Amino acid sequence: MLLASEENASEPKLVQIFPNPVDDKLFIAPLSKIPEEVRIFDALGKMVLEVWNTNEIDVSSLQPGVFFVIIKEDGSTITDKIIKK
């Protein structure tokens, strides 16, 4: 399980983002519900993918490298890092 940082909270929230490294599909769990919004940014800070209301993300179009995932749910923002193979 990955420990991700969270804004607007007094304690970090445990979120599992898997598999990491990822090939095609990225999954997010356990949240209390489906994330409202998920954004993926490359290492330079450019947003490369944005999805809404899903915990399964197709990242097959991304080039190999390091990316940052920002998950928004119920006013909270969780940030974590993934590696695309």
N, C-alpha and C. Protein backbone atom coordinates (compact mmCIF):
# COMPACT_ATOMS: atom_id res chain seq x y z
N MET A 1 0.84 -1.16 0.00
CA MET A 1 0.00 0.00 0.00
C MET A 1 0.89 1.23 0.00
N LEU A 2 0.53 2.24 -0.77
CA LEU A 2 1.31 3.45 -0.87
C LEU A 2 0.75 4.51 0.06
N LEU A 3 1.62 5.27 0.64
CA LEU A 3 1.21 6.39 1.48
C LEU A 3 1.31 7.64 0.64
N ALA A 4 0.18 8.22 0.33
CA ALA A 4 0.15 9.42 -0.51
C ALA A 4 -0.12 10.62 0.36
N SER A 5 0.34 11.77 -0.12
CA SER A 5 0.06 12.99 0.64
C SER A 5 -1.33 13.48 0.32
N GLU A 6 -1.91 14.21 1.26
CA GLU A 6 -3.27 14.69 1.08
C GLU A 6 -3.36 16.11 1.60
N GLU A 7 -3.98 16.98 0.81
CA GLU A 7 -4.25 18.34 1.25
C GLU A 7 -5.56 18.36 2.02
N ASN A 8 -5.76 19.38 2.84
CA ASN A 8 -7.00 19.58 3.59
C ASN A 8 -7.28 18.43 4.56
N ALA A 9 -6.25 17.83 5.11
CA ALA A 9 -6.46 16.75 6.07
C ALA A 9 -5.38 16.81 7.12
N SER A 10 -5.71 16.37 8.31
CA SER A 10 -4.74 16.39 9.40
C SER A 10 -3.84 15.16 9.38
N GLU A 11 -4.27 14.09 8.72
CA GLU A 11 -3.49 12.87 8.65
C GLU A 11 -3.37 12.43 7.20
N PRO A 12 -2.25 11.77 6.82
CA PRO A 12 -2.16 11.23 5.47
C PRO A 12 -3.19 10.13 5.25
N LYS A 13 -3.58 9.95 4.03
CA LYS A 13 -4.59 8.95 3.69
C LYS A 13 -3.92 7.81 2.95
N LEU A 14 -4.25 6.59 3.30
CA LEU A 14 -3.69 5.44 2.61
C LEU A 14 -4.47 5.18 1.34
N VAL A 15 -3.75 5.15 0.25
CA VAL A 15 -4.34 4.89 -1.06
C VAL A 15 -3.43 3.92 -1.78
N GLN A 16 -4.01 2.96 -2.43
CA GLN A 16 -3.23 2.03 -3.21
C GLN A 16 -3.42 2.36 -4.68
N ILE A 17 -2.32 2.64 -5.34
CA ILE A 17 -2.33 2.88 -6.79
C ILE A 17 -1.52 1.74 -7.38
N PHE A 18 -2.14 0.92 -8.19
CA PHE A 18 -1.48 -0.29 -8.68
C PHE A 18 -1.91 -0.63 -10.08
N PRO A 19 -1.12 -1.41 -10.82
CA PRO A 19 0.26 -1.79 -10.49
C PRO A 19 1.19 -0.59 -10.67
N ASN A 20 2.30 -0.63 -10.01
CA ASN A 20 3.29 0.44 -10.14
C ASN A 20 4.66 -0.20 -10.04
N PRO A 21 5.36 -0.30 -11.16
CA PRO A 21 5.18 0.29 -12.48
C PRO A 21 3.96 -0.28 -13.21
N VAL A 22 3.42 0.52 -14.14
CA VAL A 22 2.20 0.18 -14.86
C VAL A 22 2.48 0.06 -16.35
N ASP A 23 1.74 -0.86 -17.01
CA ASP A 23 1.82 -1.00 -18.47
C ASP A 23 0.65 -0.28 -19.14
N ASP A 24 -0.57 -0.77 -18.88
CA ASP A 24 -1.75 -0.28 -19.60
C ASP A 24 -2.84 0.30 -18.70
N LYS A 25 -3.22 -0.42 -17.66
CA LYS A 25 -4.32 -0.01 -16.78
C LYS A 25 -3.81 0.29 -15.39
N LEU A 26 -4.24 1.43 -14.84
CA LEU A 26 -3.90 1.84 -13.50
C LEU A 26 -5.17 1.80 -12.66
N PHE A 27 -5.08 1.26 -11.44
CA PHE A 27 -6.23 1.15 -10.55
C PHE A 27 -5.96 1.93 -9.27
N ILE A 28 -7.02 2.53 -8.71
CA ILE A 28 -6.93 3.30 -7.48
C ILE A 28 -7.89 2.70 -6.45
N ALA A 29 -7.35 2.37 -5.25
CA ALA A 29 -8.18 1.83 -4.17
C ALA A 29 -7.46 2.08 -2.85
N PRO A 30 -8.01 1.98 -1.72
CA PRO A 30 -9.43 1.99 -1.45
C PRO A 30 -9.88 3.41 -1.09
N LEU A 31 -10.69 3.98 -1.86
CA LEU A 31 -11.31 5.26 -1.54
C LEU A 31 -12.73 4.97 -1.10
N SER A 32 -13.34 5.89 -0.39
CA SER A 32 -14.70 5.68 0.09
C SER A 32 -15.68 5.62 -1.07
N LYS A 33 -15.29 6.21 -2.20
CA LYS A 33 -16.11 6.13 -3.41
C LYS A 33 -15.21 6.37 -4.61
N ILE A 34 -15.77 6.30 -5.79
CA ILE A 34 -15.01 6.52 -7.03
C ILE A 34 -14.46 7.95 -7.01
N PRO A 35 -13.18 8.15 -7.36
CA PRO A 35 -12.64 9.52 -7.38
C PRO A 35 -13.41 10.42 -8.34
N GLU A 36 -13.61 11.67 -7.92
CA GLU A 36 -14.29 12.63 -8.78
C GLU A 36 -13.44 12.97 -10.00
N GLU A 37 -12.14 13.12 -9.79
CA GLU A 37 -11.26 13.53 -10.86
C GLU A 37 -9.87 12.98 -10.60
N VAL A 38 -9.23 12.51 -11.68
CA VAL A 38 -7.84 12.05 -11.60
C VAL A 38 -7.08 12.73 -12.73
N ARG A 39 -5.98 13.38 -12.36
CA ARG A 39 -5.11 14.03 -13.35
C ARG A 39 -3.74 13.41 -13.26
N ILE A 40 -3.12 13.22 -14.42
CA ILE A 40 -1.76 12.68 -14.46
C ILE A 40 -0.88 13.71 -15.15
N PHE A 41 0.26 14.01 -14.49
CA PHE A 41 1.20 15.00 -14.98
C PHE A 41 2.55 14.33 -15.26
N ASP A 42 3.24 14.81 -16.31
CA ASP A 42 4.57 14.28 -16.58
C ASP A 42 5.58 14.94 -15.64
N ALA A 43 6.85 14.57 -15.76
CA ALA A 43 7.89 15.07 -14.86
C ALA A 43 8.12 16.57 -15.01
N LEU A 44 7.69 17.15 -16.13
CA LEU A 44 7.84 18.59 -16.35
C LEU A 44 6.64 19.38 -15.87
N GLY A 45 5.61 18.68 -15.36
CA GLY A 45 4.42 19.36 -14.84
C GLY A 45 3.31 19.56 -15.85
N LYS A 46 3.45 18.99 -17.03
CA LYS A 46 2.42 19.09 -18.06
C LYS A 46 1.35 18.03 -17.82
N MET A 47 0.08 18.44 -17.80
CA MET A 47 -0.99 17.47 -17.63
C MET A 47 -1.10 16.64 -18.92
N VAL A 48 -1.02 15.32 -18.77
CA VAL A 48 -1.05 14.44 -19.94
C VAL A 48 -2.31 13.59 -20.00
N LEU A 49 -3.08 13.54 -18.90
CA LEU A 49 -4.29 12.74 -18.88
C LEU A 49 -5.21 13.25 -17.77
N GLU A 50 -6.51 13.28 -18.06
CA GLU A 50 -7.50 13.69 -17.07
C GLU A 50 -8.74 12.82 -17.27
N VAL A 51 -9.21 12.22 -16.17
CA VAL A 51 -10.41 11.39 -16.23
C VAL A 51 -11.30 11.73 -15.05
N TRP A 52 -12.59 11.44 -15.18
CA TRP A 52 -13.56 11.73 -14.14
C TRP A 52 -14.34 10.47 -13.77
N ASN A 53 -14.69 10.36 -12.50
CA ASN A 53 -15.60 9.33 -11.99
C ASN A 53 -15.20 7.91 -12.37
N THR A 54 -13.93 7.59 -12.16
CA THR A 54 -13.46 6.23 -12.41
C THR A 54 -12.27 5.93 -11.51
N ASN A 55 -12.09 4.66 -11.19
CA ASN A 55 -10.90 4.24 -10.45
C ASN A 55 -10.04 3.29 -11.29
N GLU A 56 -10.36 3.20 -12.59
CA GLU A 56 -9.59 2.40 -13.54
C GLU A 56 -9.19 3.33 -14.68
N ILE A 57 -7.88 3.49 -14.89
CA ILE A 57 -7.39 4.49 -15.84
C ILE A 57 -6.53 3.81 -16.90
N ASP A 58 -6.85 4.06 -18.16
CA ASP A 58 -6.07 3.54 -19.28
C ASP A 58 -4.89 4.48 -19.52
N VAL A 59 -3.68 4.01 -19.22
CA VAL A 59 -2.48 4.82 -19.41
C VAL A 59 -1.63 4.29 -20.56
N SER A 60 -2.21 3.46 -21.41
CA SER A 60 -1.44 2.85 -22.50
C SER A 60 -0.91 3.87 -23.49
N SER A 61 -1.53 5.04 -23.58
CA SER A 61 -1.08 6.06 -24.52
C SER A 61 0.12 6.86 -24.00
N LEU A 62 0.45 6.72 -22.73
CA LEU A 62 1.57 7.47 -22.16
C LEU A 62 2.90 6.83 -22.54
N GLN A 63 3.90 7.68 -22.73
CA GLN A 63 5.26 7.21 -22.99
C GLN A 63 5.86 6.71 -21.68
N PRO A 64 6.85 5.81 -21.74
CA PRO A 64 7.50 5.36 -20.50
C PRO A 64 8.12 6.53 -19.74
N GLY A 65 8.04 6.48 -18.41
CA GLY A 65 8.63 7.52 -17.59
C GLY A 65 7.95 7.64 -16.25
N VAL A 66 8.29 8.73 -15.54
CA VAL A 66 7.74 9.00 -14.21
C VAL A 66 6.62 10.02 -14.35
N PHE A 67 5.51 9.76 -13.65
CA PHE A 67 4.34 10.64 -13.71
C PHE A 67 3.82 10.86 -12.29
N PHE A 68 3.11 11.97 -12.12
CA PHE A 68 2.47 12.29 -10.86
C PHE A 68 0.96 12.20 -11.03
N VAL A 69 0.32 11.50 -10.10
CA VAL A 69 -1.12 11.29 -10.15
C VAL A 69 -1.74 12.16 -9.06
N ILE A 70 -2.72 12.96 -9.44
CA ILE A 70 -3.46 13.80 -8.49
C ILE A 70 -4.91 13.33 -8.50
N ILE A 71 -5.37 12.89 -7.33
CA ILE A 71 -6.71 12.33 -7.17
C ILE A 71 -7.53 13.31 -6.34
N LYS A 72 -8.71 13.68 -6.84
CA LYS A 72 -9.60 14.56 -6.08
C LYS A 72 -10.85 13.78 -5.69
N GLU A 73 -11.15 13.85 -4.37
CA GLU A 73 -12.33 13.16 -3.85
C GLU A 73 -12.84 13.93 -2.64
N ASP A 74 -14.09 14.32 -2.67
CA ASP A 74 -14.75 14.99 -1.54
C ASP A 74 -13.94 16.17 -0.99
N GLY A 75 -13.41 16.99 -1.88
CA GLY A 75 -12.67 18.17 -1.45
C GLY A 75 -11.24 17.91 -1.04
N SER A 76 -10.80 16.66 -1.03
CA SER A 76 -9.42 16.31 -0.69
C SER A 76 -8.63 16.06 -1.97
N THR A 77 -7.34 16.33 -1.90
CA THR A 77 -6.44 16.08 -3.02
C THR A 77 -5.32 15.16 -2.56
N ILE A 78 -5.14 14.06 -3.26
CA ILE A 78 -4.11 13.08 -2.95
C ILE A 78 -3.14 13.06 -4.13
N THR A 79 -1.85 13.12 -3.83
CA THR A 79 -0.82 13.12 -4.88
C THR A 79 0.11 11.94 -4.68
N ASP A 80 0.43 11.25 -5.76
CA ASP A 80 1.38 10.14 -5.70
C ASP A 80 2.13 10.06 -7.02
N LYS A 81 3.16 9.23 -7.04
CA LYS A 81 4.02 9.07 -8.20
C LYS A 81 3.85 7.66 -8.76
N ILE A 82 3.86 7.56 -10.10
CA ILE A 82 3.82 6.25 -10.76
C ILE A 82 4.93 6.20 -11.80
N ILE A 83 5.25 4.98 -12.20
CA ILE A 83 6.21 4.77 -13.28
C ILE A 83 5.50 4.01 -14.39
N LYS A 84 5.55 4.54 -15.59
CA LYS A 84 4.96 3.89 -16.77
C LYS A 84 6.07 3.13 -17.47
N LYS A 85 5.86 1.81 -17.67
CA LYS A 85 6.86 0.97 -18.37
C LYS A 85 6.78 1.18 -19.86
